[in-house]
Protein backbone atom coordinates (compact mmCIF):
# COMPACT_ATOMS: atom_id res chain seq x y z
CA MET A 1 -11.46 0.18 -15.51
CA ALA A 2 -10.50 1.68 -12.02
CA ARG A 3 -7.77 -0.28 -10.11
CA HIS A 4 -8.81 -1.74 -6.52
CA ASP A 5 -4.93 -1.90 -5.36
CA VAL A 6 -4.96 -3.62 -1.52
CA ARG A 7 -2.25 -3.04 1.10
CA LEU A 8 -1.56 -5.11 3.26
CA HIS A 9 -0.30 -4.19 6.73
CA HIS A 10 1.72 -7.03 8.79
CA ALA A 11 2.63 -4.97 11.04
CA GLY A 12 1.51 -1.44 13.34
CA THR A 13 -0.95 -0.57 16.01
CA LYS A 14 -4.46 -0.12 16.13
CA THR A 15 -6.65 0.93 18.64
CA PHE A 16 -9.90 -0.90 19.51
CA ARG A 17 -12.70 0.15 22.51
CA HIS A 18 -13.68 -1.65 25.40
CA PRO A 19 -16.95 -1.09 26.13
CA ALA A 20 -15.58 -1.45 30.75
CA ILE A 21 -12.34 -0.88 29.77
CA GLY A 22 -11.72 1.47 27.17
CA ASP A 23 -9.67 2.50 24.67
CA LEU A 24 -6.37 0.02 24.19
CA THR A 25 -3.99 0.58 21.88
CA LEU A 26 -1.86 -2.40 20.20
CA ASP A 27 0.39 -3.69 18.81
CA TYR A 28 -0.14 -6.18 16.23
CA GLU A 29 2.37 -8.47 13.57
CA SER A 30 0.09 -10.79 10.76
CA MET A 31 2.12 -14.07 9.63
CA ASP A 32 0.75 -16.14 6.27
CA LEU A 33 0.34 -19.78 7.17
CA HIS A 34 1.45 -21.40 4.77
CA ALA A 35 -0.16 -24.18 5.59
CA ASP A 36 -3.17 -22.71 5.25
CA PRO A 37 -3.51 -20.61 2.03
CA GLY A 38 -5.83 -17.84 2.76
CA LEU A 39 -5.25 -17.35 6.00
CA ASN A 40 -3.19 -16.23 8.32
CA LEU A 41 -2.25 -15.46 12.11
CA THR A 42 -2.85 -11.76 13.84
CA VAL A 43 -0.82 -11.35 17.06
CA TYR A 44 -1.68 -8.05 19.29
CA THR A 45 0.46 -7.30 21.98
CA ALA A 46 1.04 -4.76 24.78
CA ALA A 47 3.89 -2.77 25.39
CA PRO A 48 4.67 -3.24 28.89
CA ASP A 49 4.27 -0.35 31.52
CA THR A 50 1.42 1.19 29.35
CA ALA A 51 -2.47 1.52 30.61
CA ALA A 52 -3.09 -0.52 27.15
CA HIS A 53 -0.70 -3.56 29.14
CA ASP A 54 -2.61 -3.11 32.82
CA ALA A 55 -5.90 -3.76 30.94
CA LEU A 56 -5.17 -6.68 28.84
CA ARG A 57 -3.97 -7.49 32.53
CA LEU A 58 -7.56 -6.85 34.36
CA LEU A 59 -9.14 -8.74 31.87
CA ALA A 60 -7.55 -12.07 32.29
CA THR A 61 -8.20 -11.39 35.16
CA TRP A 62 -11.93 -10.73 34.80
CA ALA A 63 -11.75 -13.59 31.56
CA ALA A 64 -10.20 -16.05 35.25
CA THR A 65 -12.65 -14.93 37.66
CA LEU A 66 -15.84 -15.88 35.17
CA GLU A 67 -14.12 -19.28 33.56
CA ALA A 68 -13.93 -20.43 37.33
CA ALA A 69 -17.33 -19.11 38.50
CA SER A 70 -18.36 -21.13 35.65
CA HIS A 71 -17.93 -24.48 37.47
CA LEU A 72 -18.68 -24.03 40.65
CA PRO A 73 -22.48 -25.54 41.39
CA PRO A 74 -25.52 -23.80 40.87
CA GLY A 75 -26.02 -22.51 44.22
CA ASP A 76 -22.70 -21.47 44.67
CA GLN A 77 -22.79 -19.51 41.34
CA PRO A 78 -21.33 -15.21 42.59
CA HIS A 79 -24.54 -12.92 42.23
CA HIS A 80 -24.79 -9.74 39.59
CA GLN A 81 -26.55 -6.80 39.81
CA GLY A 82 -27.37 -5.01 36.84
CA ARG A 83 -27.36 -1.38 36.10
């Protein structure tokens, strides 16, 4: 019988590719949620003073800008030019 060992990583580093920002290398830590068996929570963070930290701050700014714009009346929505 073939073995299928599963190795759980509860902490480490992962790189994501964002279409506008590029590569983001983030640290992560996962924890099992004992109140909900089978579920876990994973938190990703960027080390201070890194390109990933700056990129996450930029993404947060973009998200806040889009959120604020979504509450404007239809005639006041910002216009975006496509490529």
